Amino acid sequence: MKVTRFEDLEIWKESRELCKSIFEITEKDPFNKDFKLKDQIRGSSGSIMDNIACPVK
């Protein structure tokens, strides 16, 4: 399997699904009332995809 884009990586696809799940979970109690915690958790889940997509130079 040839990878030409980071979107082709299975690990990136799985991290995207994880990110979606985290967004759904943080919409519910107790996260929906703690905005700072919710933002931190969502930001960290998004950075997983970013780190996979952006290779170290």
C-alpha atoms as a PDB file:
ATOM      1  CA  MET A   1       0.000   0.000   0.000  1.00  0.00           C
ATOM      2  CA  LYS A   2       1.458   3.313  -1.060  1.00  0.00           C
ATOM      3  CA  VAL A   3       0.795   6.322   1.132  1.00  0.00           C
ATOM      4  CA  THR A   4       0.674   9.588  -0.748  1.00  0.00           C
ATOM      5  CA  ARG A   5      -1.247  11.631   1.826  1.00  0.00           C
ATOM      6  CA  PHE A   6      -1.443  11.496   5.596  1.00  0.00           C
ATOM      7  CA  GLU A   7      -5.187  10.899   5.236  1.00  0.00           C
ATOM      8  CA  ASP A   8      -4.288   7.487   3.785  1.00  0.00           C
ATOM      9  CA  LEU A   9      -2.698   6.383   7.060  1.00  0.00           C
ATOM     10  CA  GLU A  10      -4.867   4.041   9.102  1.00  0.00           C
ATOM     11  CA  ILE A  11      -3.558   5.542  12.351  1.00  0.00           C
ATOM     12  CA  TRP A  12      -4.706   9.013  11.232  1.00  0.00           C
ATOM     13  CA  LYS A  13      -8.167   7.657  10.417  1.00  0.00           C
ATOM     14  CA  GLU A  14      -8.374   6.044  13.854  1.00  0.00           C
ATOM     15  CA  SER A  15      -7.252   9.238  15.576  1.00  0.00           C
ATOM     16  CA  ARG A  16      -9.981  11.127  13.716  1.00  0.00           C
ATOM     17  CA  GLU A  17     -12.583   8.677  15.019  1.00  0.00           C
ATOM     18  CA  LEU A  18     -11.166   9.063  18.532  1.00  0.00           C
ATOM     19  CA  CYS A  19     -11.401  12.833  18.209  1.00  0.00           C
ATOM     20  CA  LYS A  20     -15.048  12.582  17.115  1.00  0.00           C
ATOM     21  CA  SER A  21     -15.810  10.353  20.117  1.00  0.00           C
ATOM     22  CA  ILE A  22     -14.123  12.767  22.505  1.00  0.00           C
ATOM     23  CA  PHE A  23     -16.139  15.671  21.104  1.00  0.00           C
ATOM     24  CA  GLU A  24     -19.352  13.690  21.689  1.00  0.00           C
ATOM     25  CA  ILE A  25     -18.342  12.701  25.230  1.00  0.00           C
ATOM     26  CA  THR A  26     -17.424  16.258  26.201  1.00  0.00           C
ATOM     27  CA  GLU A  27     -20.876  17.489  25.183  1.00  0.00           C
ATOM     28  CA  LYS A  28     -22.327  15.615  28.175  1.00  0.00           C
ATOM     29  CA  ASP A  29     -22.097  16.127  31.932  1.00  0.00           C
ATOM     30  CA  PRO A  30     -19.796  16.917  33.675  1.00  0.00           C
ATOM     31  CA  PHE A  31     -17.673  18.275  30.803  1.00  0.00           C
ATOM     32  CA  ASN A  32     -20.292  20.542  29.264  1.00  0.00           C
ATOM     33  CA  LYS A  33     -20.237  22.784  32.345  1.00  0.00           C
ATOM     34  CA  ASP A  34     -16.449  22.953  32.754  1.00  0.00           C
ATOM     35  CA  PHE A  35     -15.466  24.945  29.678  1.00  0.00           C
ATOM     36  CA  LYS A  36     -11.745  25.092  30.390  1.00  0.00           C
ATOM     37  CA  LEU A  37     -11.434  21.335  30.915  1.00  0.00           C
ATOM     38  CA  LYS A  38     -13.597  20.641  27.870  1.00  0.00           C
ATOM     39  CA  ASP A  39     -11.425  22.890  25.698  1.00  0.00           C
ATOM     40  CA  GLN A  40      -8.211  21.283  26.981  1.00  0.00           C
ATOM     41  CA  ILE A  41      -9.440  17.758  26.302  1.00  0.00           C
ATOM     42  CA  ARG A  42     -10.721  18.651  22.852  1.00  0.00           C
ATOM     43  CA  GLY A  43      -7.515  20.493  21.992  1.00  0.00           C
ATOM     44  CA  SER A  44      -5.347  17.575  23.036  1.00  0.00           C
ATOM     45  CA  SER A  45      -7.416  15.121  21.017  1.00  0.00           C
ATOM     46  CA  GLY A  46      -7.061  17.351  17.947  1.00  0.00           C
ATOM     47  CA  SER A  47      -3.318  17.568  18.415  1.00  0.00           C
ATOM     48  CA  ILE A  48      -3.066  13.794  17.986  1.00  0.00           C
ATOM     49  CA  MET A  49      -4.179  14.167  14.371  1.00  0.00           C
ATOM     50  CA  ASP A  50      -1.935  17.194  13.908  1.00  0.00           C
ATOM     51  CA  ASN A  51       1.132  15.325  15.140  1.00  0.00           C
ATOM     52  CA  ILE A  52       0.494  12.443  12.776  1.00  0.00           C
ATOM     53  CA  ALA A  53      -0.115  14.752   9.819  1.00  0.00           C
ATOM     54  CA  CYS A  54       2.898  16.977  10.431  1.00  0.00           C
ATOM     55  CA  PRO A  55       6.139  14.975  10.344  1.00  0.00           C
ATOM     56  CA  VAL A  56       9.166  16.091  12.317  1.00  0.00           C
ATOM     57  CA  LYS A  57      11.742  17.829  10.164  1.00  0.00           C
END
